[in-house]
């Protein structure tokens, strides 16, 4: 099982989602976690195990006005 940030995309426009994906990829790179882009309304970022990194990711998502929740996914 994986704990992830599920980030909701606010717009169905693929250009807007691509821009959001670039931001999310930068956040994932900073935290050294995996990023799974999605075009069906949600993208996923692994939640770091380090508490400081997790708080930094949360702050970056909030700074970019991204709606997100923490979810548990089954790895397969």
PDB file of N, CA and C in Angstrom:
ATOM      1  N   UNK A   1       0.838  -1.172   0.000  1.00  0.00           N
ATOM      2  CA  UNK A   1       0.000   0.000   0.000  1.00  0.00           C
ATOM      3  C   UNK A   1       0.885   1.238   0.000  1.00  0.00           C
ATOM      4  N   UNK A   2       0.438   2.249  -0.719  1.00  0.00           N
ATOM      5  CA  UNK A   2       1.167   3.501  -0.831  1.00  0.00           C
ATOM      6  C   UNK A   2       0.310   4.639  -0.297  1.00  0.00           C
ATOM      7  N   UNK A   3       0.930   5.529   0.450  1.00  0.00           N
ATOM      8  CA  UNK A   3       0.245   6.734   0.885  1.00  0.00           C
ATOM      9  C   UNK A   3       0.645   7.845  -0.070  1.00  0.00           C
ATOM     10  N   UNK A   4      -0.363   8.514  -0.634  1.00  0.00           N
ATOM     11  CA  UNK A   4      -0.117   9.519  -1.670  1.00  0.00           C
ATOM     12  C   UNK A   4      -0.917  10.783  -1.404  1.00  0.00           C
ATOM     13  N   UNK A   5      -0.413  11.877  -1.974  1.00  0.00           N
ATOM     14  CA  UNK A   5      -1.212  13.082  -2.101  1.00  0.00           C
ATOM     15  C   UNK A   5      -1.988  12.924  -3.402  1.00  0.00           C
ATOM     16  N   UNK A   6      -3.303  12.973  -3.338  1.00  0.00           N
ATOM     17  CA  UNK A   6      -4.141  12.959  -4.536  1.00  0.00           C
ATOM     18  C   UNK A   6      -4.489  14.415  -4.826  1.00  0.00           C
ATOM     19  N   UNK A   7      -3.945  14.939  -5.915  1.00  0.00           N
ATOM     20  CA  UNK A   7      -4.125  16.346  -6.266  1.00  0.00           C
ATOM     21  C   UNK A   7      -5.208  16.445  -7.332  1.00  0.00           C
ATOM     22  N   UNK A   8      -6.247  17.200  -7.031  1.00  0.00           N
ATOM     23  CA  UNK A   8      -7.361  17.372  -7.972  1.00  0.00           C
ATOM     24  C   UNK A   8      -7.021  18.463  -8.976  1.00  0.00           C
ATOM     25  N   UNK A   9      -7.297  18.178 -10.237  1.00  0.00           N
ATOM     26  CA  UNK A   9      -7.120  19.189 -11.277  1.00  0.00           C
ATOM     27  C   UNK A   9      -8.393  20.011 -11.359  1.00  0.00           C
ATOM     28  N   UNK A  10      -8.228  21.319 -11.418  1.00  0.00           N
ATOM     29  CA  UNK A  10      -9.376  22.219 -11.372  1.00  0.00           C
ATOM     30  C   UNK A  10      -9.996  22.464 -12.732  1.00  0.00           C
ATOM     31  N   UNK A  11      -9.314  22.069 -13.782  1.00  0.00           N
ATOM     32  CA  UNK A  11      -9.776  22.381 -15.130  1.00  0.00           C
ATOM     33  C   UNK A  11      -9.608  21.159 -16.019  1.00  0.00           C
ATOM     34  N   UNK A  12     -10.549  20.943 -16.923  1.00  0.00           N
ATOM     35  CA  UNK A  12     -10.444  19.826 -17.862  1.00  0.00           C
ATOM     36  C   UNK A  12      -9.546  20.148 -19.052  1.00  0.00           C
ATOM     37  N   UNK A  13      -9.099  21.394 -19.150  1.00  0.00           N
ATOM     38  CA  UNK A  13      -8.232  21.829 -20.245  1.00  0.00           C
ATOM     39  C   UNK A  13      -6.865  21.150 -20.127  1.00  0.00           C
ATOM     40  N   UNK A  14      -6.462  20.454 -21.174  1.00  0.00           N
ATOM     41  CA  UNK A  14      -5.194  19.713 -21.131  1.00  0.00           C
ATOM     42  C   UNK A  14      -3.994  20.640 -20.992  1.00  0.00           C
ATOM     43  N   UNK A  15      -4.059  21.855 -21.529  1.00  0.00           N
ATOM     44  CA  UNK A  15      -2.948  22.798 -21.370  1.00  0.00           C
ATOM     45  C   UNK A  15      -2.779  23.202 -19.912  1.00  0.00           C
ATOM     46  N   UNK A  16      -3.894  23.449 -19.235  1.00  0.00           N
ATOM     47  CA  UNK A  16      -3.847  23.801 -17.813  1.00  0.00           C
ATOM     48  C   UNK A  16      -3.307  22.623 -17.017  1.00  0.00           C
ATOM     49  N   UNK A  17      -3.789  21.414 -17.313  1.00  0.00           N
ATOM     50  CA  UNK A  17      -3.315  20.235 -16.594  1.00  0.00           C
ATOM     51  C   UNK A  17      -1.835  19.999 -16.849  1.00  0.00           C
ATOM     52  N   UNK A  18      -1.365  20.255 -18.059  1.00  0.00           N
ATOM     53  CA  UNK A  18       0.062  20.093 -18.354  1.00  0.00           C
ATOM     54  C   UNK A  18       0.894  21.066 -17.526  1.00  0.00           C
ATOM     55  N   UNK A  19       0.415  22.292 -17.382  1.00  0.00           N
ATOM     56  CA  UNK A  19       1.114  23.273 -16.550  1.00  0.00           C
ATOM     57  C   UNK A  19       1.132  22.813 -15.092  1.00  0.00           C
ATOM     58  N   UNK A  20      -0.003  22.277 -14.624  1.00  0.00           N
ATOM     59  CA  UNK A  20      -0.059  21.754 -13.258  1.00  0.00           C
ATOM     60  C   UNK A  20       0.889  20.570 -13.100  1.00  0.00           C
ATOM     61  N   UNK A  21       0.984  19.731 -14.121  1.00  0.00           N
ATOM     62  CA  UNK A  21       1.895  18.584 -14.062  1.00  0.00           C
ATOM     63  C   UNK A  21       3.337  19.045 -13.915  1.00  0.00           C
ATOM     64  N   UNK A  22       3.707  20.122 -14.594  1.00  0.00           N
ATOM     65  CA  UNK A  22       5.069  20.647 -14.473  1.00  0.00           C
ATOM     66  C   UNK A  22       5.348  21.099 -13.043  1.00  0.00           C
ATOM     67  N   UNK A  23       4.383  21.765 -12.434  1.00  0.00           N
ATOM     68  CA  UNK A  23       4.533  22.202 -11.042  1.00  0.00           C
ATOM     69  C   UNK A  23       4.648  20.994 -10.127  1.00  0.00           C
ATOM     70  N   UNK A  24       3.765  20.008 -10.321  1.00  0.00           N
ATOM     71  CA  UNK A  24       3.788  18.809  -9.481  1.00  0.00           C
ATOM     72  C   UNK A  24       5.087  18.030  -9.654  1.00  0.00           C
ATOM     73  N   UNK A  25       5.597  17.954 -10.877  1.00  0.00           N
ATOM     74  CA  UNK A  25       6.862  17.256 -11.112  1.00  0.00           C
ATOM     75  C   UNK A  25       7.999  17.963 -10.378  1.00  0.00           C
ATOM     76  N   UNK A  26       7.998  19.291 -10.380  1.00  0.00           N
ATOM     77  CA  UNK A  26       9.026  20.050  -9.663  1.00  0.00           C
ATOM     78  C   UNK A  26       8.939  19.796  -8.159  1.00  0.00           C
ATOM     79  N   UNK A  27       7.723  19.756  -7.633  1.00  0.00           N
ATOM     80  CA  UNK A  27       7.532  19.469  -6.204  1.00  0.00           C
ATOM     81  C   UNK A  27       8.030  18.062  -5.884  1.00  0.00           C
ATOM     82  N   UNK A  28       7.685  17.093  -6.726  1.00  0.00           N
ATOM     83  CA  UNK A  28       8.125  15.704  -6.519  1.00  0.00           C
ATOM     84  C   UNK A  28       9.643  15.599  -6.594  1.00  0.00           C
ATOM     85  N   UNK A  29      10.250  16.298  -7.549  1.00  0.00           N
ATOM     86  CA  UNK A  29      11.710  16.261  -7.683  1.00  0.00           C
ATOM     87  C   UNK A  29      12.393  16.822  -6.444  1.00  0.00           C
ATOM     88  N   UNK A  30      11.859  17.921  -5.910  1.00  0.00           N
ATOM     89  CA  UNK A  30      12.432  18.517  -4.699  1.00  0.00           C
ATOM     90  C   UNK A  30      12.380  17.544  -3.527  1.00  0.00           C
ATOM     91  N   UNK A  31      11.267  16.827  -3.411  1.00  0.00           N
ATOM     92  CA  UNK A  31      11.081  15.905  -2.287  1.00  0.00           C
ATOM     93  C   UNK A  31      11.642  14.519  -2.571  1.00  0.00           C
ATOM     94  N   UNK A  32      12.103  14.316  -3.812  1.00  0.00           N
ATOM     95  CA  UNK A  32      12.651  13.022  -4.233  1.00  0.00           C
ATOM     96  C   UNK A  32      11.639  11.890  -4.055  1.00  0.00           C
ATOM     97  N   UNK A  33      10.422  12.141  -4.554  1.00  0.00           N
ATOM     98  CA  UNK A  33       9.357  11.134  -4.520  1.00  0.00           C
ATOM     99  C   UNK A  33       8.819  10.926  -5.930  1.00  0.00           C
ATOM    100  N   UNK A  34       8.017   9.890  -6.093  1.00  0.00           N
ATOM    101  CA  UNK A  34       7.417   9.582  -7.391  1.00  0.00           C
ATOM    102  C   UNK A  34       6.204  10.463  -7.647  1.00  0.00           C
ATOM    103  N   UNK A  35       6.013  10.772  -8.919  1.00  0.00           N
ATOM    104  CA  UNK A  35       4.867  11.553  -9.378  1.00  0.00           C
ATOM    105  C   UNK A  35       4.182  10.776 -10.486  1.00  0.00           C
ATOM    106  N   UNK A  36       2.877  10.618 -10.358  1.00  0.00           N
ATOM    107  CA  UNK A  36       2.085   9.928 -11.381  1.00  0.00           C
ATOM    108  C   UNK A  36       1.062  10.912 -11.942  1.00  0.00           C
ATOM    109  N   UNK A  37       1.339  11.453 -13.141  1.00  0.00           N
ATOM    110  CA  UNK A  37       0.385  12.406 -13.711  1.00  0.00           C
ATOM    111  C   UNK A  37      -0.913  11.715 -14.085  1.00  0.00           C
ATOM    112  N   UNK A  38      -1.988  12.442 -13.959  1.00  0.00           N
ATOM    113  CA  UNK A  38      -3.285  11.906 -14.331  1.00  0.00           C
ATOM    114  C   UNK A  38      -4.069  12.916 -15.128  1.00  0.00           C
ATOM    115  N   UNK A  39      -4.860  12.438 -16.055  1.00  0.00           N
ATOM    116  CA  UNK A  39      -5.691  13.329 -16.853  1.00  0.00           C
ATOM    117  C   UNK A  39      -7.169  13.093 -16.567  1.00  0.00           C
ATOM    118  N   UNK A  40      -7.486  12.255 -15.597  1.00  0.00           N
ATOM    119  CA  UNK A  40      -8.878  11.958 -15.265  1.00  0.00           C
ATOM    120  C   UNK A  40      -9.296  12.703 -14.003  1.00  0.00           C
ATOM    121  N   UNK A  41      -8.699  13.864 -13.786  1.00  0.00           N
ATOM    122  CA  UNK A  41      -9.097  14.667 -12.640  1.00  0.00           C
ATOM    123  C   UNK A  41      -8.149  14.646 -11.469  1.00  0.00           C
ATOM    124  N   UNK A  42      -7.269  13.644 -11.366  1.00  0.00           N
ATOM    125  CA  UNK A  42      -6.344  13.559 -10.231  1.00  0.00           C
ATOM    126  C   UNK A  42      -4.963  13.099 -10.681  1.00  0.00           C
ATOM    127  N   UNK A  43      -3.959  13.637 -10.001  1.00  0.00           N
ATOM    128  CA  UNK A  43      -2.584  13.168 -10.134  1.00  0.00           C
ATOM    129  C   UNK A  43      -2.131  12.748  -8.747  1.00  0.00           C
ATOM    130  N   UNK A  44      -1.085  11.932  -8.691  1.00  0.00           N
ATOM    131  CA  UNK A  44      -0.644  11.391  -7.408  1.00  0.00           C
ATOM    132  C   UNK A  44       0.839  11.641  -7.179  1.00  0.00           C
ATOM    133  N   UNK A  45       1.156  12.043  -5.943  1.00  0.00           N
ATOM    134  CA  UNK A  45       2.528  12.211  -5.482  1.00  0.00           C
ATOM    135  C   UNK A  45       2.703  11.325  -4.259  1.00  0.00           C
ATOM    136  N   UNK A  46       3.776  10.549  -4.217  1.00  0.00           N
ATOM    137  CA  UNK A  46       4.044   9.758  -3.020  1.00  0.00           C
ATOM    138  C   UNK A  46       4.273  10.700  -1.844  1.00  0.00           C
ATOM    139  N   UNK A  47       3.811  10.311  -0.668  1.00  0.00           N
ATOM    140  CA  UNK A  47       4.040  11.091   0.541  1.00  0.00           C
ATOM    141  C   UNK A  47       5.404  10.691   1.099  1.00  0.00           C
ATOM    142  N   UNK A  48       6.301  11.666   1.312  1.00  0.00           N
ATOM    143  CA  UNK A  48       7.620  11.336   1.860  1.00  0.00           C
ATOM    144  C   UNK A  48       7.505  10.789   3.281  1.00  0.00           C
ATOM    145  N   UNK A  49       8.432   9.927   3.644  1.00  0.00           N
ATOM    146  CA  UNK A  49       8.438   9.390   5.004  1.00  0.00           C
ATOM    147  C   UNK A  49       8.988  10.408   5.996  1.00  0.00           C
ATOM    148  N   UNK A  50       9.832  11.313   5.531  1.00  0.00           N
ATOM    149  CA  UNK A  50      10.410  12.348   6.379  1.00  0.00           C
ATOM    150  C   UNK A  50       9.358  13.425   6.653  1.00  0.00           C
ATOM    151  N   UNK A  51       9.127  13.727   7.927  1.00  0.00           N
ATOM    152  CA  UNK A  51       8.090  14.689   8.305  1.00  0.00           C
ATOM    153  C   UNK A  51       8.364  16.085   7.755  1.00  0.00           C
ATOM    154  N   UNK A  52       9.623  16.521   7.761  1.00  0.00           N
ATOM    155  CA  UNK A  52       9.951  17.853   7.240  1.00  0.00           C
ATOM    156  C   UNK A  52       9.661  17.939   5.743  1.00  0.00           C
ATOM    157  N   UNK A  53      10.020  16.898   5.002  1.00  0.00           N
ATOM    158  CA  UNK A  53       9.757  16.871   3.559  1.00  0.00           C
ATOM    159  C   UNK A  53       8.254  16.853   3.293  1.00  0.00           C
ATOM    160  N   UNK A  54       7.521  16.124   4.115  1.00  0.00           N
ATOM    161  CA  UNK A  54       6.063  16.046   3.965  1.00  0.00           C
ATOM    162  C   UNK A  54       5.438  17.428   4.189  1.00  0.00           C
ATOM    163  N   UNK A  55       5.899  18.132   5.228  1.00  0.00           N
ATOM    164  CA  UNK A  55       5.378  19.470   5.511  1.00  0.00           C
ATOM    165  C   UNK A  55       5.739  20.448   4.397  1.00  0.00           C
ATOM    166  N   UNK A  56       6.949  20.321   3.848  1.00  0.00           N
ATOM    167  CA  UNK A  56       7.372  21.191   2.749  1.00  0.00           C
ATOM    168  C   UNK A  56       6.515  20.947   1.510  1.00  0.00           C
ATOM    169  N   UNK A  57       6.215  19.675   1.227  1.00  0.00           N
ATOM    170  CA  UNK A  57       5.354  19.357   0.081  1.00  0.00           C
ATOM    171  C   UNK A  57       3.958  19.931   0.282  1.00  0.00           C
ATOM    172  N   UNK A  58       3.430  19.781   1.466  1.00  0.00           N
ATOM    173  CA  UNK A  58       2.101  20.316   1.770  1.00  0.00           C
ATOM    174  C   UNK A  58       2.084  21.828   1.559  1.00  0.00           C
ATOM    175  N   UNK A  59       3.124  22.496   2.037  1.00  0.00           N
ATOM    176  CA  UNK A  59       3.209  23.951   1.882  1.00  0.00           C
ATOM    177  C   UNK A  59       3.277  24.351   0.412  1.00  0.00           C
ATOM    178  N   UNK A  60       4.062  23.631  -0.385  1.00  0.00           N
ATOM    179  CA  UNK A  60       4.177  23.948  -1.822  1.00  0.00           C
ATOM    180  C   UNK A  60       2.848  23.737  -2.539  1.00  0.00           C
ATOM    181  N   UNK A  61       2.133  22.670  -2.203  1.00  0.00           N
ATOM    182  CA  UNK A  61       0.824  22.435  -2.822  1.00  0.00           C
ATOM    183  C   UNK A  61      -0.141  23.565  -2.470  1.00  0.00           C
ATOM    184  N   UNK A  62      -0.117  23.987  -1.204  1.00  0.00           N
ATOM    185  CA  UNK A  62      -0.993  25.073  -0.770  1.00  0.00           C
ATOM    186  C   UNK A  62      -0.600  26.394  -1.425  1.00  0.00           C
ATOM    187  N   UNK A  63       0.712  26.653  -1.571  1.00  0.00           N
ATOM    188  CA  UNK A  63       1.181  27.886  -2.222  1.00  0.00           C
ATOM    189  C   UNK A  63       0.678  27.977  -3.655  1.00  0.00           C
ATOM    190  N   UNK A  64       0.558  26.838  -4.312  1.00  0.00           N
ATOM    191  CA  UNK A  64       0.112  26.799  -5.702  1.00  0.00           C
ATOM    192  C   UNK A  64      -1.400  26.611  -5.827  1.00  0.00           C
ATOM    193  N   UNK A  65      -2.113  26.797  -4.704  1.00  0.00           N
ATOM    194  CA  UNK A  65      -3.581  26.690  -4.680  1.00  0.00           C
ATOM    195  C   UNK A  65      -4.086  25.381  -5.269  1.00  0.00           C
ATOM    196  N   UNK A  66      -3.409  24.288  -4.939  1.00  0.00           N
ATOM    197  CA  UNK A  66      -3.814  22.974  -5.437  1.00  0.00           C
ATOM    198  C   UNK A  66      -4.617  22.250  -4.363  1.00  0.00           C
ATOM    199  N   UNK A  67      -5.756  21.734  -4.777  1.00  0.00           N
ATOM    200  CA  UNK A  67      -6.617  20.980  -3.882  1.00  0.00           C
ATOM    201  C   UNK A  67      -6.099  19.548  -3.808  1.00  0.00           C
ATOM    202  N   UNK A  68      -5.910  19.049  -2.582  1.00  0.00           N
ATOM    203  CA  UNK A  68      -5.361  17.705  -2.443  1.00  0.00           C
ATOM    204  C   UNK A  68      -5.887  17.031  -1.189  1.00  0.00           C
ATOM    205  N   UNK A  69      -5.751  15.728  -1.168  1.00  0.00           N
ATOM    206  CA  UNK A  69      -6.062  14.936   0.016  1.00  0.00           C
ATOM    207  C   UNK A  69      -5.022  13.830   0.108  1.00  0.00           C
ATOM    208  N   UNK A  70      -4.918  13.237   1.273  1.00  0.00           N
ATOM    209  CA  UNK A  70      -3.998  12.119   1.462  1.00  0.00           C
ATOM    210  C   UNK A  70      -4.813  10.842   1.346  1.00  0.00           C
ATOM    211  N   UNK A  71      -4.371   9.954   0.462  1.00  0.00           N
ATOM    212  CA  UNK A  71      -5.085   8.700   0.223  1.00  0.00           C
ATOM    213  C   UNK A  71      -4.115   7.533   0.315  1.00  0.00           C
ATOM    214  N   UNK A  72      -4.657   6.365   0.540  1.00  0.00           N
ATOM    215  CA  UNK A  72      -3.867   5.136   0.517  1.00  0.00           C
ATOM    216  C   UNK A  72      -4.278   4.360  -0.722  1.00  0.00           C
ATOM    217  N   UNK A  73      -3.279   3.974  -1.503  1.00  0.00           N
ATOM    218  CA  UNK A  73      -3.534   3.232  -2.742  1.00  0.00           C
ATOM    219  C   UNK A  73      -2.889   1.861  -2.640  1.00  0.00           C
ATOM    220  N   UNK A  74      -3.480   0.914  -3.305  1.00  0.00           N
ATOM    221  CA  UNK A  74      -2.919  -0.432  -3.359  1.00  0.00           C
ATOM    222  C   UNK A  74      -1.906  -0.471  -4.491  1.00  0.00           C
ATOM    223  N   UNK A  75      -0.682  -0.858  -4.165  1.00  0.00           N
ATOM    224  CA  UNK A  75       0.375  -0.956  -5.182  1.00  0.00           C
ATOM    225  C   UNK A  75       0.205  -2.266  -5.932  1.00  0.00           C
ATOM    226  N   UNK A  76       0.325  -2.181  -7.233  1.00  0.00           N
ATOM    227  CA  UNK A  76       0.228  -3.388  -8.053  1.00  0.00           C
ATOM    228  C   UNK A  76       1.136  -3.288  -9.238  1.00  0.00           C
TER     229      UNK A  76
END
